[in-house]
Amino acid sequence: MRPTKLSYSIIFIICIFSIGYFFINLKGNTKADVNQEAKTNGTIIEYSKYPGVDLITDITDKENYHIAMHYPKFKSNKLNAVIEEYVSTTKKDFLISVKENKEFIKNHVANLSLTMDIYLTADNTYSIVFSEGSYVVGANGQEKAKIYLVDVEKGTFIPQTKIFKDSKQNREQLYRLLNERFKESAEYAPLLFEEDLKEWTMNEENNFSNLYFTEESAVFKFDKYEVTAGAAGMPEISIPIDEMRDLLTDEWKDKLLLDHKEKADKDGAKEKPIAKEEKPGASTSGKRVALTFDDGPHPKNTLKIIDLLDKYDAKATFFMLGNRVDFYPEIAKKVADEGHELGNHTWNHKDLTTLSKEEGIQEVEKTNEAIKSATGREPTAFRPPYGAVNKQIQNSISSPTFLWTIDTLDWKSHNPNEILKIVKENVKDGSIILMHDIHDTSVQAVEPILKYLKAEGYEIVPVSEL
């Protein structure tokens, strides 16, 4: 599901990179900029709502493995080199494991998911939080976290040791705070290894590289099995910044607490958005079909699809990833405002059957919150990545689950004519058509499909109306 690598001459590649770099650096913060896209070195770069940070998406689907990776691109080559090395190593290690275990994965598909959350920590400073989930063989998948604190203006990484004021007394206080938060959590308390947590906190070699900051809290994100049983997944413990005051260096105490206060004042002054009333779907006694789009929203393609749907008086269902809604909330809102159905496709496209019940529920609920925050509406449909879901997850999800009856294989062929052909050969009353709004070639197939369906007398409706 990613473009093939280019094989142009060295000179031509240099020219392309130079042009791409030129346009990327022309990017401002206007709404029009969000609709631009650049491609380089076989990856897709999408401009985000975060100043100074763009999003690279790298998705690969093979017969025996799936890879979905999302990571940032900065203006600083120094920053990018470090991030790219981390991403490259993660992918390489996974592929080595797949190769070494090829005899054991004949009956299932291996998965690698590298997702990124981003938080504005202070002026020009972001917390970049990576969650790596992989499953190759065995009963349980592997989960790891990697965190970078980045000053995008200076083009530097900030060590957590510059923020946390290290001393034995402060480590003991931090242990008390973490232990209290773990025990207050109904989810984590029974799974906590208290002695492991104390050993982790008091270890002098521990530089607290798992620490990041949101607008309100200092957050510690632990690897799976690090201080809890595996059922806890990768636990995150939040401590209000005010409670961390005495554990911070003077520089960052002032910076974080002042920034926190200013944000709180602004948030208190904001008016809540008024959700636009949803238009009821038209009733009909004729043939109906659902057109569904997975893995978005996309800053360019999703808008094109919305325009085409409006042209043909059609309504579709968009099954969105929470981490992409976080990057493109205005696109998600546009989907809702135009009367299309909002679907939940989990936060970062993990195979839910490889996760614990708690992790699976978090994937869904976190996405519900992101969609509601961006659009003012709850999603009304759910689709599990790869169509994979088990009873324990299904029984915990309130929204109805919808799979598909026609897989256009648009992610595989990247051929609009082939996509249309599959629809023509398989469509019937009640069909649910699967497509992806992250591919340009899929967008090119939308209008021919809409023309054909309309000519055949089909009404295109949200999937929940079937």
Protein backbone atom coordinates (compact mmCIF):
# COMPACT_ATOMS: atom_id res chain seq x y z
CA MET A 1 0.00 0.00 0.00
CA ARG A 2 2.95 2.33 -0.53
CA PRO A 3 4.34 3.60 -3.84
CA THR A 4 7.14 1.59 -5.43
CA LYS A 5 10.65 3.04 -5.15
CA LEU A 6 11.75 5.32 -7.94
CA SER A 7 14.60 4.30 -10.18
CA TYR A 8 15.50 7.58 -11.78
CA SER A 9 19.06 8.75 -12.28
CA ILE A 10 20.99 10.35 -9.43
CA ILE A 11 20.72 13.80 -10.96
CA PHE A 12 16.97 13.55 -11.38
CA ILE A 13 16.53 12.36 -7.79
CA ILE A 14 18.53 15.31 -6.51
CA CYS A 15 16.33 17.65 -8.54
CA ILE A 16 13.16 16.09 -7.17
CA PHE A 17 14.41 16.30 -3.59
CA SER A 18 15.40 19.94 -4.10
CA ILE A 19 12.00 20.86 -5.48
CA GLY A 20 10.24 18.94 -2.67
CA TYR A 21 12.35 20.63 -0.04
CA PHE A 22 11.60 24.04 -1.55
CA PHE A 23 7.86 23.54 -1.44
CA ILE A 24 7.87 21.99 2.01
CA ASN A 25 9.65 25.02 3.39
CA LEU A 26 7.17 27.32 1.72
CA LYS A 27 4.47 25.74 3.85
CA GLY A 28 2.61 28.14 6.10
CA ASN A 29 -0.25 27.53 8.48
CA THR A 30 -3.13 28.43 6.19
CA LYS A 31 -5.99 26.02 5.64
CA ALA A 32 -5.09 25.69 1.98
CA ASP A 33 -1.71 24.29 2.92
CA VAL A 34 -3.34 21.32 4.60
CA ASN A 35 -4.50 20.09 1.19
CA GLN A 36 -1.00 19.83 -0.23
CA GLU A 37 1.03 16.63 -0.45
CA ALA A 38 4.62 15.84 -1.34
CA LYS A 39 6.28 12.53 -2.13
CA THR A 40 9.90 11.62 -1.61
CA ASN A 41 11.90 8.41 -1.53
CA GLY A 42 8.82 6.21 -1.84
CA THR A 43 7.02 7.69 1.16
CA ILE A 44 3.99 9.94 1.46
CA ILE A 45 4.42 13.25 3.30
CA GLU A 46 1.28 15.00 4.51
CA TYR A 47 1.14 18.44 6.06
CA SER A 48 -0.40 18.52 9.53
CA LYS A 49 -2.00 21.00 11.88
CA TYR A 50 1.20 21.12 13.97
CA PRO A 51 3.56 23.96 12.91
CA GLY A 52 6.98 22.64 11.98
CA VAL A 53 5.90 18.98 11.95
CA ASP A 54 4.67 17.00 8.94
CA LEU A 55 3.51 13.39 8.87
CA ILE A 56 5.10 10.56 6.92
CA THR A 57 2.96 7.48 6.27
CA ASP A 58 4.49 4.18 5.20
CA ILE A 59 2.07 1.28 4.76
CA THR A 60 3.06 -2.09 3.30
CA ASP A 61 0.78 -5.08 2.77
CA LYS A 62 2.33 -8.38 1.84
CA GLU A 63 0.93 -11.89 1.82
CA ASN A 64 2.52 -12.80 5.14
CA TYR A 65 2.90 -9.45 6.89
CA HIS A 66 1.39 -5.97 7.31
CA ILE A 67 3.38 -2.84 8.20
CA ALA A 68 1.82 0.51 9.10
CA MET A 69 4.23 3.24 10.17
CA HIS A 70 3.57 6.90 10.94
CA TYR A 71 6.36 9.25 11.95
CA PRO A 72 7.21 12.98 11.85
CA LYS A 73 9.23 15.00 9.38
CA PHE A 74 10.83 18.21 10.60
CA LYS A 75 12.59 21.04 8.80
CA SER A 76 15.83 20.03 10.53
CA ASN A 77 17.85 17.35 8.75
CA LYS A 78 19.53 16.56 12.07
CA LEU A 79 16.20 15.74 13.70
CA ASN A 80 15.02 13.75 10.70
CA ALA A 81 18.19 11.64 10.61
CA VAL A 82 17.64 10.43 14.17
CA ILE A 83 13.95 9.66 13.63
CA GLU A 84 14.59 7.90 10.33
CA GLU A 85 17.30 5.75 11.91
CA TYR A 86 14.87 4.68 14.65
CA VAL A 87 12.10 3.91 12.14
CA SER A 88 14.48 2.04 9.82
CA THR A 89 15.84 -0.09 12.66
CA THR A 90 12.35 -0.92 13.88
CA LYS A 91 11.26 -2.05 10.43
CA LYS A 92 14.48 -3.99 9.80
CA ASP A 93 14.21 -5.90 13.10
CA PHE A 94 10.61 -6.84 12.33
CA LEU A 95 11.43 -8.12 8.84
CA ILE A 96 14.32 -10.18 10.23
CA SER A 97 11.93 -11.74 12.73
CA VAL A 98 9.42 -12.48 9.96
CA LYS A 99 12.12 -14.16 7.89
CA GLU A 100 13.41 -16.20 10.82
CA ASN A 101 9.91 -17.42 11.67
CA LYS A 102 8.49 -17.89 8.19
CA GLU A 103 7.76 -21.57 8.88
CA PHE A 104 5.59 -20.63 11.86
CA ILE A 105 3.48 -17.87 10.30
CA LYS A 106 1.92 -19.79 7.44
CA ASN A 107 -1.52 -19.68 9.04
CA HIS A 108 -1.57 -16.04 10.08
CA VAL A 109 -0.22 -12.65 9.09
CA ALA A 110 2.56 -10.90 11.03
CA ASN A 111 1.94 -7.26 11.95
CA LEU A 112 4.04 -4.21 12.73
CA SER A 113 2.40 -0.97 13.81
CA LEU A 114 4.43 2.15 14.59
CA THR A 115 2.21 5.05 15.54
CA MET A 116 2.92 8.50 16.84
CA ASP A 117 1.14 10.83 19.21
CA ILE A 118 2.25 14.45 19.45
CA TYR A 119 1.76 16.95 22.27
CA LEU A 120 2.69 20.61 22.40
CA THR A 121 4.86 20.73 25.52
CA ALA A 122 5.94 24.39 25.47
CA ASP A 123 6.57 27.06 22.85
CA ASN A 124 8.11 25.37 19.77
CA THR A 125 8.57 22.20 21.82
CA TYR A 126 6.77 18.90 21.21
CA SER A 127 6.61 15.54 22.89
CA ILE A 128 6.72 12.88 20.17
CA VAL A 129 5.43 9.58 21.58
CA PHE A 130 5.95 6.43 19.52
CA SER A 131 4.07 3.21 20.23
CA GLU A 132 5.54 0.15 18.57
CA GLY A 133 3.41 -2.98 18.41
CA SER A 134 4.49 -6.13 16.62
CA TYR A 135 3.23 -9.66 16.40
CA VAL A 136 5.08 -12.42 14.58
CA VAL A 137 4.71 -15.66 16.53
CA GLY A 138 3.71 -16.79 20.01
CA ALA A 139 0.80 -16.04 22.26
CA ASN A 140 1.50 -12.36 22.78
CA GLY A 141 2.73 -9.45 20.71
CA GLN A 142 5.58 -7.16 21.65
CA GLU A 143 4.94 -3.56 22.65
CA LYS A 144 7.50 -0.83 23.16
CA ALA A 145 7.48 2.93 23.59
CA LYS A 146 9.96 5.51 22.34
CA ILE A 147 9.77 9.17 23.25
CA TYR A 148 11.50 12.24 21.85
CA LEU A 149 11.24 15.76 23.22
CA VAL A 150 11.92 18.14 20.34
CA ASP A 151 12.60 21.85 20.04
CA VAL A 152 11.59 22.46 16.41
CA GLU A 153 12.87 26.05 16.38
CA LYS A 154 16.40 25.12 17.48
CA GLY A 155 16.33 21.75 15.72
CA THR A 156 17.44 19.88 18.84
CA PHE A 157 16.32 16.99 21.02
CA ILE A 158 15.84 17.70 24.72
CA PRO A 159 17.04 15.02 27.16
CA GLN A 160 14.58 14.34 29.98
CA THR A 161 17.53 14.81 32.36
CA LYS A 162 17.41 18.54 31.53
CA ILE A 163 13.84 18.66 32.81
CA PHE A 164 13.86 16.26 35.76
CA LYS A 165 16.01 17.50 38.67
CA ASP A 166 17.78 14.30 39.63
CA SER A 167 18.52 13.41 43.24
CA LYS A 168 17.86 10.46 45.54
CA GLN A 169 15.20 12.47 47.37
CA ASN A 170 13.46 13.38 44.11
CA ARG A 171 13.55 9.77 42.92
CA GLU A 172 11.92 8.65 46.15
CA GLN A 173 9.23 11.29 45.75
CA LEU A 174 8.68 10.27 42.14
CA TYR A 175 8.30 6.64 43.20
CA ARG A 176 5.63 7.64 45.73
CA LEU A 177 3.74 9.62 43.10
CA LEU A 178 3.90 6.82 40.51
CA ASN A 179 2.97 4.14 43.05
CA GLU A 180 -0.04 6.15 44.22
CA ARG A 181 -1.28 6.63 40.63
CA PHE A 182 -0.86 2.95 39.79
CA LYS A 183 -2.81 1.92 42.88
CA GLU A 184 -5.56 4.44 42.14
CA SER A 185 -6.11 2.81 38.74
CA ALA A 186 -8.68 0.02 38.71
CA GLU A 187 -7.07 -1.22 35.49
CA TYR A 188 -3.42 -1.19 36.56
CA ALA A 189 -3.50 -1.78 40.34
CA PRO A 190 -3.94 -5.57 40.25
CA LEU A 191 -1.21 -5.89 37.59
CA LEU A 192 1.47 -3.72 39.20
CA PHE A 193 4.84 -5.21 40.20
CA GLU A 194 5.57 -2.77 43.02
CA GLU A 195 9.15 -3.87 43.61
CA ASP A 196 9.93 -3.60 39.90
CA LEU A 197 8.54 -0.06 39.87
CA LYS A 198 10.72 0.90 42.85
CA GLU A 199 13.80 -0.68 41.29
CA TRP A 200 13.08 1.11 38.01
CA THR A 201 12.68 4.49 39.71
CA MET A 202 15.75 4.24 41.96
CA ASN A 203 18.10 2.84 39.30
CA GLU A 204 20.74 5.54 38.80
CA GLU A 205 21.21 4.51 35.17
CA ASN A 206 17.57 5.29 34.48
CA ASN A 207 17.42 8.64 32.65
CA PHE A 208 13.60 8.72 32.51
CA SER A 209 13.52 8.58 28.74
CA ASN A 210 9.88 7.43 28.98
CA LEU A 211 8.77 10.84 30.29
CA TYR A 212 6.74 13.23 28.15
CA PHE A 213 4.38 16.14 28.73
CA THR A 214 0.84 16.98 27.73
CA GLU A 215 -0.85 20.32 28.34
CA GLU A 216 -1.78 19.29 31.88
CA SER A 217 0.45 16.46 33.01
CA ALA A 218 3.80 14.77 33.10
CA VAL A 219 3.27 11.28 31.70
CA PHE A 220 5.39 8.16 32.15
CA LYS A 221 4.84 5.54 29.44
CA PHE A 222 6.19 2.08 30.31
CA ASP A 223 6.97 -0.82 28.01
CA LYS A 224 4.87 -3.95 28.22
CA TYR A 225 6.07 -6.18 31.12
CA GLU A 226 8.41 -3.47 32.43
CA VAL A 227 6.64 -2.78 35.74
CA THR A 228 3.32 -4.60 35.24
CA ALA A 229 1.93 -7.89 34.03
CA GLY A 230 1.47 -8.19 30.26
CA ALA A 231 -2.30 -7.69 30.47
CA ALA A 232 -1.67 -4.01 31.28
CA GLY A 233 -0.10 -3.46 27.85
CA MET A 234 1.98 -0.27 27.87
CA PRO A 235 0.69 1.57 30.96
CA GLU A 236 0.76 5.34 31.06
CA ILE A 237 0.75 7.15 34.38
CA SER A 238 -0.14 10.86 34.43
CA ILE A 239 0.94 13.22 37.19
CA PRO A 240 -0.42 16.79 37.17
CA ILE A 241 2.34 19.26 36.38
CA ASP A 242 1.64 21.17 39.59
CA GLU A 243 2.47 18.04 41.60
CA MET A 244 5.75 17.66 39.69
CA ARG A 245 6.83 21.23 40.53
CA ASP A 246 9.58 20.34 43.00
CA LEU A 247 10.97 17.61 40.73
CA LEU A 248 11.62 19.91 37.77
CA THR A 249 14.67 22.01 36.99
CA ASP A 250 14.18 25.73 37.49
CA GLU A 251 14.23 26.43 33.75
CA TRP A 252 11.56 23.89 32.92
CA LYS A 253 9.54 24.52 36.07
CA ASP A 254 8.92 28.06 34.89
CA LYS A 255 8.44 27.09 31.26
CA LEU A 256 5.99 24.24 31.83
CA LEU A 257 3.97 25.76 34.65
CA LEU A 258 3.65 29.14 32.90
CA ASP A 259 2.71 27.48 29.63
CA HIS A 260 0.20 25.28 31.42
CA LYS A 261 -1.43 28.31 33.07
CA GLU A 262 -1.69 30.22 29.79
CA LYS A 263 -3.29 27.23 28.04
CA ALA A 264 -5.76 26.73 30.87
CA ASP A 265 -6.79 30.40 30.64
CA LYS A 266 -7.30 30.10 26.89
CA ASP A 267 -9.27 26.87 27.18
CA GLY A 268 -11.53 28.41 29.77
CA ALA A 269 -12.37 31.24 27.38
CA LYS A 270 -13.20 28.99 24.42
CA GLU A 271 -16.75 28.44 23.41
CA LYS A 272 -17.86 24.89 22.77
CA PRO A 273 -18.56 24.19 19.09
CA ILE A 274 -22.14 23.70 18.07
CA ALA A 275 -22.61 20.46 16.20
CA LYS A 276 -24.39 20.80 12.90
CA GLU A 277 -27.67 18.92 12.75
CA GLU A 278 -27.31 15.71 10.81
CA LYS A 279 -29.44 15.39 7.73
CA PRO A 280 -31.67 12.30 7.67
CA GLY A 281 -30.95 9.79 4.95
CA ALA A 282 -33.42 9.58 2.12
CA SER A 283 -35.67 6.55 2.20
CA THR A 284 -36.10 4.41 -0.85
CA SER A 285 -37.62 1.14 -1.90
CA GLY A 286 -35.00 0.61 -4.63
CA LYS A 287 -31.54 -0.93 -4.59
CA ARG A 288 -29.05 0.40 -2.11
CA VAL A 289 -25.31 0.03 -1.65
CA ALA A 290 -22.77 1.37 0.85
CA LEU A 291 -19.48 2.95 -0.20
CA THR A 292 -16.95 2.88 2.65
CA PHE A 293 -13.47 4.37 2.98
CA ASP A 294 -10.82 3.17 5.46
CA ASP A 295 -7.59 4.56 6.97
CA GLY A 296 -8.26 8.30 6.57
CA PRO A 297 -8.82 11.13 6.90
CA HIS A 298 -6.41 12.29 4.24
CA PRO A 299 -5.74 16.05 3.82
CA LYS A 300 -6.26 15.98 0.04
CA ASN A 301 -7.96 12.77 -1.06
CA THR A 302 -10.78 12.82 1.47
CA LEU A 303 -11.85 16.29 0.35
CA LYS A 304 -11.85 15.21 -3.31
CA ILE A 305 -14.03 12.21 -2.47
CA ILE A 306 -16.47 14.40 -0.52
CA ASP A 307 -16.86 16.68 -3.54
CA LEU A 308 -17.53 13.70 -5.83
CA LEU A 309 -20.07 12.23 -3.43
CA ASP A 310 -21.89 15.55 -3.32
CA LYS A 311 -21.87 15.74 -7.13
CA TYR A 312 -23.67 12.39 -7.33
CA ASP A 313 -25.94 12.94 -4.31
CA ALA A 314 -24.32 10.08 -2.42
CA LYS A 315 -23.50 9.53 1.23
CA ALA A 316 -20.63 7.34 2.36
CA THR A 317 -19.10 6.00 5.57
CA PHE A 318 -15.55 6.99 6.49
CA PHE A 319 -13.83 4.58 8.90
CA MET A 320 -11.15 6.83 10.36
CA LEU A 321 -7.98 6.18 12.32
CA GLY A 322 -7.79 8.15 15.54
CA ASN A 323 -4.17 9.18 15.06
CA ARG A 324 -5.02 10.68 11.67
CA VAL A 325 -8.07 12.47 13.07
CA ASP A 326 -5.69 14.04 15.58
CA PHE A 327 -3.53 15.36 12.71
CA TYR A 328 -6.44 16.43 10.46
CA PRO A 329 -9.40 17.35 12.69
CA GLU A 330 -10.71 19.88 10.15
CA ILE A 331 -10.96 17.12 7.52
CA ALA A 332 -12.90 14.87 9.90
CA LYS A 333 -15.21 17.79 10.67
CA LYS A 334 -15.76 18.35 6.96
CA VAL A 335 -16.83 14.71 6.60
CA ALA A 336 -19.36 15.18 9.39
CA ASP A 337 -20.61 18.57 8.20
CA GLU A 338 -21.34 17.15 4.74
CA GLY A 339 -23.62 14.51 6.28
CA HIS A 340 -21.43 11.45 5.83
CA GLU A 341 -21.26 8.71 8.42
CA LEU A 342 -18.39 8.68 10.91
CA GLY A 343 -16.77 5.31 11.51
CA ASN A 344 -14.17 4.19 14.03
CA HIS A 345 -11.22 2.18 12.60
CA THR A 346 -9.18 2.15 15.88
CA TRP A 347 -6.40 4.52 16.84
CA ASN A 348 -3.49 3.05 14.92
CA HIS A 349 -4.66 0.09 12.84
CA LYS A 350 -3.49 -2.72 15.11
CA ASP A 351 -4.85 -6.25 14.77
CA LEU A 352 -7.22 -6.31 17.75
CA THR A 353 -7.01 -10.08 18.10
CA THR A 354 -3.34 -9.72 19.13
CA LEU A 355 -4.13 -7.27 21.95
CA SER A 356 -5.47 -7.68 25.46
CA LYS A 357 -9.08 -6.74 26.09
CA GLU A 358 -8.00 -3.51 27.81
CA GLU A 359 -5.67 -2.52 24.97
CA GLY A 360 -8.35 -3.22 22.36
CA ILE A 361 -10.92 -1.14 24.20
CA GLN A 362 -8.42 1.72 24.51
CA GLU A 363 -7.79 1.61 20.74
CA VAL A 364 -11.51 2.11 20.15
CA GLU A 365 -12.40 4.52 22.94
CA LYS A 366 -9.45 6.85 22.26
CA THR A 367 -10.59 7.09 18.64
CA ASN A 368 -14.19 7.76 19.67
CA GLU A 369 -12.95 10.67 21.79
CA ALA A 370 -10.82 12.09 18.96
CA ILE A 371 -13.68 11.91 16.46
CA LYS A 372 -16.13 13.52 18.86
CA SER A 373 -13.63 16.26 19.75
CA ALA A 374 -13.02 17.06 16.08
CA THR A 375 -16.59 16.81 14.80
CA GLY A 376 -18.91 17.23 17.77
CA ARG A 377 -20.42 13.82 16.98
CA GLU A 378 -19.91 10.25 18.09
CA PRO A 379 -19.01 7.68 15.42
CA THR A 380 -21.95 5.39 14.64
CA ALA A 381 -20.07 2.47 13.05
CA PHE A 382 -16.97 0.42 13.77
CA ARG A 383 -14.67 -1.57 11.49
CA PRO A 384 -11.73 -3.56 12.91
CA PRO A 385 -8.43 -3.38 11.00
CA TYR A 386 -8.01 -6.38 8.68
CA GLY A 387 -11.56 -7.40 9.64
CA ALA A 388 -10.04 -9.09 12.69
CA VAL A 389 -12.02 -9.01 15.92
CA ASN A 390 -12.74 -11.48 18.70
CA LYS A 391 -15.70 -11.86 21.04
CA GLN A 392 -14.11 -10.16 24.05
CA ILE A 393 -13.44 -7.00 22.04
CA GLN A 394 -16.74 -7.15 20.14
CA ASN A 395 -18.76 -7.46 23.34
CA SER A 396 -17.06 -4.33 24.71
CA ILE A 397 -17.82 -2.08 21.73
CA SER A 398 -21.09 -0.17 21.67
CA SER A 399 -21.10 0.75 17.97
CA PRO A 400 -22.23 -1.89 15.45
CA THR A 401 -19.43 -3.58 13.54
CA PHE A 402 -19.45 -3.51 9.74
CA LEU A 403 -17.05 -5.46 7.55
CA TRP A 404 -17.54 -5.57 3.75
CA THR A 405 -18.86 -7.74 0.95
CA ILE A 406 -16.71 -6.31 -1.86
CA ASP A 407 -12.98 -5.74 -1.39
CA THR A 408 -11.88 -3.58 -4.32
CA LEU A 409 -8.21 -4.40 -3.55
CA ASP A 410 -7.46 -0.76 -4.29
CA TRP A 411 -4.50 -0.92 -1.90
CA LYS A 412 -3.00 -3.71 -3.98
CA SER A 413 -3.69 -2.90 -7.64
CA HIS A 414 -3.52 0.92 -7.51
CA ASN A 415 -5.42 0.67 -10.80
CA PRO A 416 -8.71 2.62 -11.15
CA ASN A 417 -9.90 0.37 -13.98
CA GLU A 418 -9.29 -2.79 -11.93
CA ILE A 419 -11.08 -1.26 -8.96
CA LEU A 420 -14.12 -0.40 -11.10
CA LYS A 421 -14.09 -3.87 -12.68
CA ILE A 422 -14.30 -5.57 -9.28
CA VAL A 423 -17.28 -3.41 -8.33
CA LYS A 424 -19.10 -4.12 -11.60
CA GLU A 425 -18.57 -7.86 -11.29
CA ASN A 426 -19.72 -8.17 -7.69
CA VAL A 427 -22.17 -5.43 -6.75
CA LYS A 428 -25.74 -6.23 -5.80
CA ASP A 429 -28.44 -4.80 -3.56
CA GLY A 430 -27.02 -4.44 -0.04
CA SER A 431 -23.35 -4.60 -1.03
CA ILE A 432 -20.74 -2.95 1.20
CA ILE A 433 -17.81 -1.73 -0.90
CA LEU A 434 -14.39 -1.35 0.73
CA MET A 435 -11.99 1.34 -0.48
CA HIS A 436 -9.25 3.51 1.06
CA ASP A 437 -9.11 7.30 0.86
CA ILE A 438 -5.34 7.43 1.40
CA HIS A 439 -4.51 6.40 -2.20
CA ASP A 440 -4.63 8.80 -5.17
CA THR A 441 -5.56 5.92 -7.50
CA SER A 442 -8.54 5.06 -5.30
CA VAL A 443 -9.81 8.61 -5.63
CA GLN A 444 -9.55 8.30 -9.41
CA ALA A 445 -11.85 5.27 -9.26
CA VAL A 446 -14.57 6.95 -7.20
CA GLU A 447 -16.30 8.92 -9.96
CA PRO A 448 -16.47 5.98 -12.42
CA ILE A 449 -17.91 3.84 -9.62
CA LEU A 450 -20.49 6.48 -8.70
CA LYS A 451 -21.48 6.88 -12.37
CA TYR A 452 -21.90 3.14 -12.77
CA LEU A 453 -23.90 2.67 -9.56
CA LYS A 454 -26.24 5.54 -10.40
CA ALA A 455 -26.74 4.21 -13.95
CA GLU A 456 -27.64 0.83 -12.48
CA GLY A 457 -30.27 2.39 -10.22
CA TYR A 458 -28.42 2.14 -6.89
CA GLU A 459 -28.75 4.64 -4.09
CA ILE A 460 -25.47 5.13 -2.21
CA VAL A 461 -26.15 5.35 1.53
CA PRO A 462 -24.20 5.18 4.80
CA VAL A 463 -23.50 1.60 5.81
CA SER A 464 -25.70 1.75 8.92
CA GLU A 465 -28.74 2.42 6.70
CA LEU A 466 -28.43 -0.91 4.92
